[in-house]
Amino acid sequence: MRVAVLVSGSGTILDAILARGVPVSVVVADRRCGALARAERNGIAVELLERTDFSAAFDRDAYSTSVADVIAGHGIDLVAMAGWGTVFSSPMHEVFGGRILNTHPALLPAFPGWHAVRDALAYGVKVTGCTVHVAGLEVDTGRILAQRAVDVFDDDDETSLHERIKVVEREIYPSTIEAILDGRIVLEATGGVPASSRTTVPVRSDQ
């Protein structure tokens, strides 16, 4: 099984995935970032599909199609978003639906969205955590594959709590990928629609 990792930042999750021996075939970035250098140092193919438009006019379908085509060109079976910064619309899911993984810094379905850690603190929970899930068209939806709880301390702020969640993320994300690769977790692929059959499905455009 060939794995692609999608990155936008420093590459700490990528490092955790590589440290577990996951065979990453290509690393794709939507902006110039430290993770690309990490990939190159490990002899992994890199693809930079730089997103230059962050306005309301951003053509999400065209960008999603470009990413899907590049990844498909590497013969990829499994896509792992690792701090990836752009939400995909339907063209990506039509090709790789059911095979795109993501993580979220809360115990989904609680606290979806971009401010999960802040929201958990505001709500006053004593336990939050990290979720590994299959990415869907709607943000923070899809089948939950793994979760681990993280205690909330009385003196926590958003930064301190998020850092402890990231430690857990770097543990359960690689182990979940391993479980998929060795067959302990079986994904239900829904993608594989030819480009000529792709249709547009509106998605939330807050990223």
C-alpha atoms as a PDB file:
ATOM      1  CA  MET A   1       0.000   0.000   0.000  1.00  0.00           C
ATOM      2  CA  ARG A   2       1.440   3.351  -1.063  1.00  0.00           C
ATOM      3  CA  VAL A   3       0.987   6.268   1.346  1.00  0.00           C
ATOM      4  CA  ALA A   4       0.947  10.009   0.681  1.00  0.00           C
ATOM      5  CA  VAL A   5       1.311  12.504   3.520  1.00  0.00           C
ATOM      6  CA  LEU A   6      -0.122  16.005   3.056  1.00  0.00           C
ATOM      7  CA  VAL A   7       1.616  18.782   4.991  1.00  0.00           C
ATOM      8  CA  SER A   8       1.535  22.523   5.552  1.00  0.00           C
ATOM      9  CA  GLY A   9       3.832  23.088   8.527  1.00  0.00           C
ATOM     10  CA  SER A  10       6.988  22.032  10.302  1.00  0.00           C
ATOM     11  CA  GLY A  11       6.538  18.300   9.776  1.00  0.00           C
ATOM     12  CA  THR A  12       6.462  16.973  13.340  1.00  0.00           C
ATOM     13  CA  ILE A  13       3.585  14.612  12.521  1.00  0.00           C
ATOM     14  CA  LEU A  14       5.417  13.508   9.382  1.00  0.00           C
ATOM     15  CA  ASP A  15       8.456  12.749  11.540  1.00  0.00           C
ATOM     16  CA  ALA A  16       6.321  10.651  13.890  1.00  0.00           C
ATOM     17  CA  ILE A  17       4.895   8.714  10.949  1.00  0.00           C
ATOM     18  CA  LEU A  18       8.341   8.059   9.487  1.00  0.00           C
ATOM     19  CA  ALA A  19       9.737   7.082  12.893  1.00  0.00           C
ATOM     20  CA  ARG A  20       7.229   4.226  13.021  1.00  0.00           C
ATOM     21  CA  GLY A  21       8.510   2.917   9.709  1.00  0.00           C
ATOM     22  CA  VAL A  22       5.440   3.832   7.651  1.00  0.00           C
ATOM     23  CA  PRO A  23       6.477   3.615   3.961  1.00  0.00           C
ATOM     24  CA  VAL A  24       5.662   7.111   2.705  1.00  0.00           C
ATOM     25  CA  SER A  25       5.871   7.365  -1.086  1.00  0.00           C
ATOM     26  CA  VAL A  26       5.286  11.104  -1.503  1.00  0.00           C
ATOM     27  CA  VAL A  27       4.847  14.217   0.619  1.00  0.00           C
ATOM     28  CA  VAL A  28       2.584  16.937  -0.795  1.00  0.00           C
ATOM     29  CA  ALA A  29       2.488  20.514   0.513  1.00  0.00           C
ATOM     30  CA  ASP A  30       0.111  23.397  -0.175  1.00  0.00           C
ATOM     31  CA  ARG A  31       2.762  25.959   0.809  1.00  0.00           C
ATOM     32  CA  ARG A  32       6.511  26.138   1.274  1.00  0.00           C
ATOM     33  CA  CYS A  33       7.183  24.674   4.700  1.00  0.00           C
ATOM     34  CA  GLY A  34       9.703  22.839   6.834  1.00  0.00           C
ATOM     35  CA  ALA A  35       8.037  19.484   6.243  1.00  0.00           C
ATOM     36  CA  LEU A  36       9.253  19.462   2.643  1.00  0.00           C
ATOM     37  CA  ALA A  37      12.868  19.617   3.786  1.00  0.00           C
ATOM     38  CA  ARG A  38      12.207  16.823   6.274  1.00  0.00           C
ATOM     39  CA  ALA A  39      10.819  14.680   3.465  1.00  0.00           C
ATOM     40  CA  GLU A  40      13.759  15.382   1.174  1.00  0.00           C
ATOM     41  CA  ARG A  41      16.233  14.509   3.932  1.00  0.00           C
ATOM     42  CA  ASN A  42      14.503  11.135   4.160  1.00  0.00           C
ATOM     43  CA  GLY A  43      14.715  10.564   0.417  1.00  0.00           C
ATOM     44  CA  ILE A  44      10.958  10.918  -0.126  1.00  0.00           C
ATOM     45  CA  ALA A  45       9.492  12.427  -3.290  1.00  0.00           C
ATOM     46  CA  VAL A  46       7.942  15.854  -2.707  1.00  0.00           C
ATOM     47  CA  GLU A  47       5.276  17.809  -4.565  1.00  0.00           C
ATOM     48  CA  LEU A  48       4.600  21.486  -3.903  1.00  0.00           C
ATOM     49  CA  LEU A  49       1.143  22.560  -5.075  1.00  0.00           C
ATOM     50  CA  GLU A  50       1.313  26.047  -3.685  1.00  0.00           C
ATOM     51  CA  ARG A  51      -1.969  27.703  -2.855  1.00  0.00           C
ATOM     52  CA  THR A  52      -1.696  31.385  -3.612  1.00  0.00           C
ATOM     53  CA  ASP A  53      -5.331  32.439  -3.276  1.00  0.00           C
ATOM     54  CA  PHE A  54      -6.910  32.664   0.182  1.00  0.00           C
ATOM     55  CA  SER A  55      -9.816  34.863  -0.877  1.00  0.00           C
ATOM     56  CA  ALA A  56     -13.481  33.972  -1.207  1.00  0.00           C
ATOM     57  CA  ALA A  57     -12.844  33.510  -4.938  1.00  0.00           C
ATOM     58  CA  PHE A  58     -10.465  30.577  -4.354  1.00  0.00           C
ATOM     59  CA  ASP A  59     -11.270  27.833  -6.870  1.00  0.00           C
ATOM     60  CA  ARG A  60     -11.445  24.937  -4.420  1.00  0.00           C
ATOM     61  CA  ASP A  61     -12.630  22.443  -7.032  1.00  0.00           C
ATOM     62  CA  ALA A  62      -9.742  23.180  -9.389  1.00  0.00           C
ATOM     63  CA  TYR A  63      -7.223  22.961  -6.565  1.00  0.00           C
ATOM     64  CA  SER A  64      -8.720  19.718  -5.228  1.00  0.00           C
ATOM     65  CA  THR A  65      -8.584  18.248  -8.729  1.00  0.00           C
ATOM     66  CA  SER A  66      -4.909  19.193  -9.084  1.00  0.00           C
ATOM     67  CA  VAL A  67      -3.989  17.553  -5.785  1.00  0.00           C
ATOM     68  CA  ALA A  68      -5.975  14.413  -6.596  1.00  0.00           C
ATOM     69  CA  ASP A  69      -4.314  14.136 -10.009  1.00  0.00           C
ATOM     70  CA  VAL A  70      -0.803  14.556  -8.588  1.00  0.00           C
ATOM     71  CA  ILE A  71      -1.381  12.007  -5.838  1.00  0.00           C
ATOM     72  CA  ALA A  72      -2.985   9.545  -8.232  1.00  0.00           C
ATOM     73  CA  GLY A  73       0.054   9.943 -10.456  1.00  0.00           C
ATOM     74  CA  HIS A  74       2.151   8.469  -7.655  1.00  0.00           C
ATOM     75  CA  GLY A  75      -0.103   5.414  -7.455  1.00  0.00           C
ATOM     76  CA  ILE A  76      -1.229   6.260  -3.931  1.00  0.00           C
ATOM     77  CA  ASP A  77      -3.620   4.038  -1.971  1.00  0.00           C
ATOM     78  CA  LEU A  78      -3.865   5.957   1.329  1.00  0.00           C
ATOM     79  CA  VAL A  79      -3.731   9.704   2.043  1.00  0.00           C
ATOM     80  CA  ALA A  80      -2.775  11.021   5.487  1.00  0.00           C
ATOM     81  CA  MET A  81      -3.333  14.707   6.170  1.00  0.00           C
ATOM     82  CA  ALA A  82      -0.715  15.840   8.670  1.00  0.00           C
ATOM     83  CA  GLY A  83      -1.426  19.447   9.517  1.00  0.00           C
ATOM     84  CA  TRP A  84      -2.668  20.041   5.962  1.00  0.00           C
ATOM     85  CA  GLY A  85      -4.113  23.525   5.634  1.00  0.00           C
ATOM     86  CA  THR A  86      -6.657  23.392   2.791  1.00  0.00           C
ATOM     87  CA  VAL A  87     -10.126  21.849   2.892  1.00  0.00           C
ATOM     88  CA  PHE A  88     -10.846  19.621  -0.112  1.00  0.00           C
ATOM     89  CA  SER A  89     -14.026  19.709  -2.160  1.00  0.00           C
ATOM     90  CA  SER A  90     -15.616  16.831  -4.040  1.00  0.00           C
ATOM     91  CA  PRO A  91     -12.984  16.156  -6.752  1.00  0.00           C
ATOM     92  CA  MET A  92     -10.531  14.876  -4.135  1.00  0.00           C
ATOM     93  CA  HIS A  93     -13.139  12.703  -2.438  1.00  0.00           C
ATOM     94  CA  GLU A  94     -14.358  11.301  -5.734  1.00  0.00           C
ATOM     95  CA  VAL A  95     -10.902   9.838  -6.300  1.00  0.00           C
ATOM     96  CA  PHE A  96      -9.755   9.040  -2.748  1.00  0.00           C
ATOM     97  CA  GLY A  97     -12.989   9.007  -0.754  1.00  0.00           C
ATOM     98  CA  GLY A  98     -12.830   6.679   2.240  1.00  0.00           C
ATOM     99  CA  ARG A  99      -9.031   6.641   2.057  1.00  0.00           C
ATOM    100  CA  ILE A 100      -8.196  10.109   3.386  1.00  0.00           C
ATOM    101  CA  LEU A 101      -7.183  10.267   7.054  1.00  0.00           C
ATOM    102  CA  ASN A 102      -7.092  13.251   9.372  1.00  0.00           C
ATOM    103  CA  THR A 103      -6.684  14.049  13.055  1.00  0.00           C
ATOM    104  CA  HIS A 104      -8.653  16.398  15.278  1.00  0.00           C
ATOM    105  CA  PRO A 105      -7.695  17.808  18.718  1.00  0.00           C
ATOM    106  CA  ALA A 106     -10.873  16.708  20.502  1.00  0.00           C
ATOM    107  CA  LEU A 107     -12.964  13.605  21.032  1.00  0.00           C
ATOM    108  CA  LEU A 108     -15.273  13.852  18.032  1.00  0.00           C
ATOM    109  CA  PRO A 109     -18.153  14.340  17.621  1.00  0.00           C
ATOM    110  CA  ALA A 110     -17.562  16.800  20.474  1.00  0.00           C
ATOM    111  CA  PHE A 111     -15.991  20.157  19.568  1.00  0.00           C
ATOM    112  CA  PRO A 112     -15.669  20.011  15.790  1.00  0.00           C
ATOM    113  CA  GLY A 113     -14.209  22.970  13.934  1.00  0.00           C
ATOM    114  CA  TRP A 114     -11.035  25.027  13.974  1.00  0.00           C
ATOM    115  CA  HIS A 115     -11.084  26.015  17.656  1.00  0.00           C
ATOM    116  CA  ALA A 116     -11.631  22.641  19.295  1.00  0.00           C
ATOM    117  CA  VAL A 117      -9.148  23.160  22.134  1.00  0.00           C
ATOM    118  CA  ARG A 118     -10.427  26.641  22.910  1.00  0.00           C
ATOM    119  CA  ASP A 119     -14.018  25.414  22.789  1.00  0.00           C
ATOM    120  CA  ALA A 120     -13.303  22.506  25.129  1.00  0.00           C
ATOM    121  CA  LEU A 121     -11.741  24.854  27.680  1.00  0.00           C
ATOM    122  CA  ALA A 122     -14.628  27.307  27.386  1.00  0.00           C
ATOM    123  CA  TYR A 123     -17.128  24.504  27.959  1.00  0.00           C
ATOM    124  CA  GLY A 124     -15.278  23.447  31.107  1.00  0.00           C
ATOM    125  CA  VAL A 125     -14.695  19.780  30.277  1.00  0.00           C
ATOM    126  CA  LYS A 126     -12.314  17.788  32.443  1.00  0.00           C
ATOM    127  CA  VAL A 127     -11.321  15.428  29.630  1.00  0.00           C
ATOM    128  CA  THR A 128     -10.758  16.054  25.947  1.00  0.00           C
ATOM    129  CA  GLY A 129      -8.412  14.251  23.568  1.00  0.00           C
ATOM    130  CA  CYS A 130      -7.473  13.408  20.019  1.00  0.00           C
ATOM    131  CA  THR A 131      -9.367  11.642  17.221  1.00  0.00           C
ATOM    132  CA  VAL A 132      -8.103   9.932  14.070  1.00  0.00           C
ATOM    133  CA  HIS A 133     -10.865   9.730  11.495  1.00  0.00           C
ATOM    134  CA  VAL A 134     -11.620   9.279   7.839  1.00  0.00           C
ATOM    135  CA  ALA A 135     -12.065  12.724   6.288  1.00  0.00           C
ATOM    136  CA  GLY A 136     -15.395  13.499   4.679  1.00  0.00           C
ATOM    137  CA  LEU A 137     -16.758  16.342   2.591  1.00  0.00           C
ATOM    138  CA  GLU A 138     -18.020  18.059   5.728  1.00  0.00           C
ATOM    139  CA  VAL A 139     -15.222  19.157   8.041  1.00  0.00           C
ATOM    140  CA  ASP A 140     -14.558  16.841  11.018  1.00  0.00           C
ATOM    141  CA  THR A 141     -16.967  14.173   9.868  1.00  0.00           C
ATOM    142  CA  GLY A 142     -16.254  10.636   8.773  1.00  0.00           C
ATOM    143  CA  ARG A 143     -15.678   7.301  10.435  1.00  0.00           C
ATOM    144  CA  ILE A 144     -13.778   7.476  13.723  1.00  0.00           C
ATOM    145  CA  LEU A 145     -10.813   5.098  13.692  1.00  0.00           C
ATOM    146  CA  ALA A 146      -9.075   5.859  16.995  1.00  0.00           C
ATOM    147  CA  GLN A 147      -9.393   8.151  19.991  1.00  0.00           C
ATOM    148  CA  ARG A 148      -7.398   8.806  23.131  1.00  0.00           C
ATOM    149  CA  ALA A 149      -8.367  10.940  26.092  1.00  0.00           C
ATOM    150  CA  VAL A 150      -6.295  13.796  27.505  1.00  0.00           C
ATOM    151  CA  ASP A 151      -7.010  15.230  30.950  1.00  0.00           C
ATOM    152  CA  VAL A 152      -7.680  18.949  31.248  1.00  0.00           C
ATOM    153  CA  PHE A 153      -5.791  20.540  34.151  1.00  0.00           C
ATOM    154  CA  ASP A 154      -7.128  23.443  36.189  1.00  0.00           C
ATOM    155  CA  ASP A 155      -4.260  25.700  35.084  1.00  0.00           C
ATOM    156  CA  ASP A 156      -4.426  24.758  31.397  1.00  0.00           C
ATOM    157  CA  ASP A 157      -4.650  27.387  28.718  1.00  0.00           C
ATOM    158  CA  GLU A 158      -5.189  26.729  25.018  1.00  0.00           C
ATOM    159  CA  THR A 159      -1.470  26.403  24.309  1.00  0.00           C
ATOM    160  CA  SER A 160      -0.582  24.033  27.148  1.00  0.00           C
ATOM    161  CA  LEU A 161      -3.557  21.762  26.511  1.00  0.00           C
ATOM    162  CA  HIS A 162      -2.970  21.672  22.766  1.00  0.00           C
ATOM    163  CA  GLU A 163       0.672  20.724  23.257  1.00  0.00           C
ATOM    164  CA  ARG A 164      -0.323  17.680  25.339  1.00  0.00           C
ATOM    165  CA  ILE A 165      -2.889  16.715  22.718  1.00  0.00           C
ATOM    166  CA  LYS A 166      -0.201  16.943  20.029  1.00  0.00           C
ATOM    167  CA  VAL A 167       1.912  14.432  21.960  1.00  0.00           C
ATOM    168  CA  VAL A 168      -0.988  11.980  21.841  1.00  0.00           C
ATOM    169  CA  GLU A 169      -1.619  12.776  18.170  1.00  0.00           C
ATOM    170  CA  ARG A 170       1.949  11.850  17.297  1.00  0.00           C
ATOM    171  CA  GLU A 171       1.386   8.489  18.973  1.00  0.00           C
ATOM    172  CA  ILE A 172      -2.040   7.382  17.775  1.00  0.00           C
ATOM    173  CA  TYR A 173      -1.879   8.693  14.199  1.00  0.00           C
ATOM    174  CA  PRO A 174       1.109   6.550  13.122  1.00  0.00           C
ATOM    175  CA  SER A 175      -0.258   3.527  14.978  1.00  0.00           C
ATOM    176  CA  THR A 176      -3.613   3.907  13.205  1.00  0.00           C
ATOM    177  CA  ILE A 177      -1.877   4.073   9.831  1.00  0.00           C
ATOM    178  CA  GLU A 178       0.066   0.942  10.744  1.00  0.00           C
ATOM    179  CA  ALA A 179      -3.192  -0.814  11.642  1.00  0.00           C
ATOM    180  CA  ILE A 180      -4.567   0.018   8.199  1.00  0.00           C
ATOM    181  CA  LEU A 181      -1.428  -1.162   6.448  1.00  0.00           C
ATOM    182  CA  ASP A 182      -1.391  -4.524   8.224  1.00  0.00           C
ATOM    183  CA  GLY A 183      -5.122  -5.099   7.847  1.00  0.00           C
ATOM    184  CA  ARG A 184      -6.285  -4.624  11.439  1.00  0.00           C
ATOM    185  CA  ILE A 185      -8.397  -1.682  10.248  1.00  0.00           C
ATOM    186  CA  VAL A 186     -10.209  -2.038   6.927  1.00  0.00           C
ATOM    187  CA  LEU A 187     -11.293   1.108   5.127  1.00  0.00           C
ATOM    188  CA  GLU A 188     -14.329   1.321   2.880  1.00  0.00           C
ATOM    189  CA  ALA A 189     -13.147   3.150  -0.234  1.00  0.00           C
ATOM    190  CA  THR A 190     -15.779   5.295  -1.908  1.00  0.00           C
ATOM    191  CA  GLY A 191     -13.544   7.080  -4.408  1.00  0.00           C
ATOM    192  CA  GLY A 192     -12.340   6.119  -7.837  1.00  0.00           C
ATOM    193  CA  VAL A 193     -14.642   8.171 -10.072  1.00  0.00           C
ATOM    194  CA  PRO A 194     -13.018   9.172 -13.398  1.00  0.00           C
ATOM    195  CA  ALA A 195     -12.282  12.871 -13.890  1.00  0.00           C
ATOM    196  CA  SER A 196     -14.916  13.086 -16.639  1.00  0.00           C
ATOM    197  CA  SER A 197     -17.602  12.060 -14.134  1.00  0.00           C
ATOM    198  CA  ARG A 198     -16.663  14.506 -11.369  1.00  0.00           C
ATOM    199  CA  THR A 199     -19.372  16.788 -10.024  1.00  0.00           C
ATOM    200  CA  THR A 200     -19.313  19.765  -7.682  1.00  0.00           C
ATOM    201  CA  VAL A 201     -20.612  19.485  -4.126  1.00  0.00           C
ATOM    202  CA  PRO A 202     -20.522  22.658  -1.981  1.00  0.00           C
ATOM    203  CA  VAL A 203     -18.455  22.427   1.231  1.00  0.00           C
ATOM    204  CA  ARG A 204     -17.717  24.813   4.049  1.00  0.00           C
ATOM    205  CA  SER A 205     -15.092  27.279   2.855  1.00  0.00           C
ATOM    206  CA  ASP A 206     -13.519  28.486   6.085  1.00  0.00           C
ATOM    207  CA  GLN A 207     -10.006  27.321   5.270  1.00  0.00           C
END
